[in-house]
Amino acid sequence: MKTIQVKFTLEEINEWSKKSTGISLDTFKGNVEAFIRVSQQVPSFRLQRRLRPLIVDEAINPEDIVIMVVDESTGEEHYYNPPLDAIFAGLTPKPFLNSI
């Protein structure tokens, strides 16, 4: 399958995480890698709402979505790999052959 790349800014992920879990980039003293590692384990509901149309409406397999976080201050891109298949389990269409 073709992969779909979705980009969010570090500030978006930081704000979403801060509001939903209380974890922020400040918690990690600016260590972007550590912040991303922890925040992807408990993704924000805002992330789910942003990806839902791709997965539910367009029937894109969550495993085919690659999320990148762009640090606005440096331009660096970081992979962001929350457990999308677990988050959207039950919402993704099942292949016909698996239902027989």
Protein backbone atom coordinates (compact mmCIF):
# COMPACT_ATOMS: atom_id res chain seq x y z
CA MET A 1 0.00 0.00 0.00
CA LYS A 2 0.95 3.59 -0.49
CA THR A 3 2.02 5.44 2.64
CA ILE A 4 0.49 8.77 3.55
CA GLN A 5 2.71 11.33 5.27
CA VAL A 6 1.05 13.68 7.75
CA LYS A 7 2.96 16.55 9.34
CA PHE A 8 2.25 18.42 12.53
CA THR A 9 4.33 21.11 14.18
CA LEU A 10 6.09 20.47 17.46
CA GLU A 11 4.04 23.31 18.94
CA GLU A 12 0.77 21.58 17.96
CA ILE A 13 1.83 18.29 19.54
CA ASN A 14 3.12 20.14 22.61
CA GLU A 15 -0.15 22.04 23.10
CA TRP A 16 -2.31 18.96 22.51
CA SER A 17 -0.23 16.87 24.90
CA LYS A 18 -0.18 19.58 27.55
CA LYS A 19 -3.98 19.90 27.47
CA SER A 20 -4.77 16.19 27.43
CA THR A 21 -2.04 14.66 29.63
CA GLY A 22 -0.21 17.52 31.31
CA ILE A 23 3.03 16.42 29.63
CA SER A 24 4.82 19.17 27.74
CA LEU A 25 8.15 19.88 26.13
CA ASP A 26 9.02 21.90 29.26
CA THR A 27 8.64 18.71 31.31
CA PHE A 28 11.64 17.35 29.40
CA LYS A 29 13.63 20.60 29.56
CA GLY A 30 13.42 21.03 25.80
CA ASN A 31 14.59 17.50 24.93
CA VAL A 32 12.45 16.99 21.82
CA GLU A 33 13.32 13.30 21.34
CA ALA A 34 12.38 12.40 24.93
CA PHE A 35 9.16 14.42 24.72
CA ILE A 36 8.12 12.73 21.48
CA ARG A 37 8.96 9.27 22.83
CA VAL A 38 6.65 9.76 25.82
CA SER A 39 3.89 11.77 24.14
CA GLN A 40 3.40 9.23 21.37
CA GLN A 41 2.64 6.57 23.98
CA VAL A 42 -0.44 8.53 25.08
CA PRO A 43 -1.58 10.46 22.00
CA SER A 44 -3.95 13.37 22.35
CA PHE A 45 -7.60 13.13 21.35
CA ARG A 46 -6.94 16.08 19.03
CA LEU A 47 -4.55 13.91 17.04
CA GLN A 48 -7.23 11.25 16.81
CA ARG A 49 -9.76 13.81 15.56
CA ARG A 50 -7.32 15.05 12.91
CA LEU A 51 -6.56 11.53 11.63
CA ARG A 52 -10.07 10.09 11.87
CA PRO A 53 -11.17 11.34 8.41
CA LEU A 54 -8.19 9.60 6.79
CA ILE A 55 -8.80 6.32 8.54
CA VAL A 56 -12.58 6.16 8.70
CA ASP A 57 -13.78 8.21 5.72
CA GLU A 58 -10.97 7.45 3.28
CA ALA A 59 -10.35 3.90 4.57
CA ILE A 60 -6.59 4.35 4.89
CA ASN A 61 -4.98 1.65 6.97
CA PRO A 62 -3.45 3.21 10.12
CA GLU A 63 -0.26 1.27 9.40
CA ASP A 64 0.10 3.23 6.15
CA ILE A 65 0.17 6.62 7.88
CA VAL A 66 3.57 8.13 8.67
CA ILE A 67 3.43 11.06 11.07
CA MET A 68 6.20 13.61 11.18
CA VAL A 69 6.63 16.35 13.77
CA VAL A 70 8.38 19.44 12.48
CA ASP A 71 10.31 21.54 14.97
CA GLU A 72 9.52 25.08 13.82
CA SER A 73 12.63 26.55 15.43
CA THR A 74 15.15 24.24 13.74
CA GLY A 75 13.23 22.76 10.79
CA GLU A 76 14.13 19.25 11.96
CA GLU A 77 11.61 16.49 11.36
CA HIS A 78 10.98 13.72 13.86
CA TYR A 79 8.98 10.53 13.42
CA TYR A 80 5.89 10.35 15.61
CA ASN A 81 4.56 6.81 15.88
CA PRO A 82 1.56 6.54 18.21
CA PRO A 83 -0.26 3.17 18.22
CA LEU A 84 -2.81 4.15 15.56
CA ASP A 85 -3.91 0.60 14.85
CA ALA A 86 -4.91 0.17 18.50
CA ILE A 87 -6.55 3.60 18.71
CA PHE A 88 -8.68 3.04 15.64
CA ALA A 89 -9.34 -0.70 16.12
CA GLY A 90 -12.96 -1.38 15.31
CA LEU A 91 -13.28 1.72 13.14
CA THR A 92 -11.23 0.51 10.21
CA PRO A 93 -12.96 -1.55 7.54
CA LYS A 94 -12.13 -5.24 7.56
CA PRO A 95 -11.14 -6.89 4.27
CA PHE A 96 -13.88 -9.08 2.86
CA LEU A 97 -11.77 -12.24 2.87
CA ASN A 98 -11.14 -11.98 6.60
CA SER A 99 -14.86 -11.95 7.32
CA ILE A 100 -15.51 -15.33 5.68
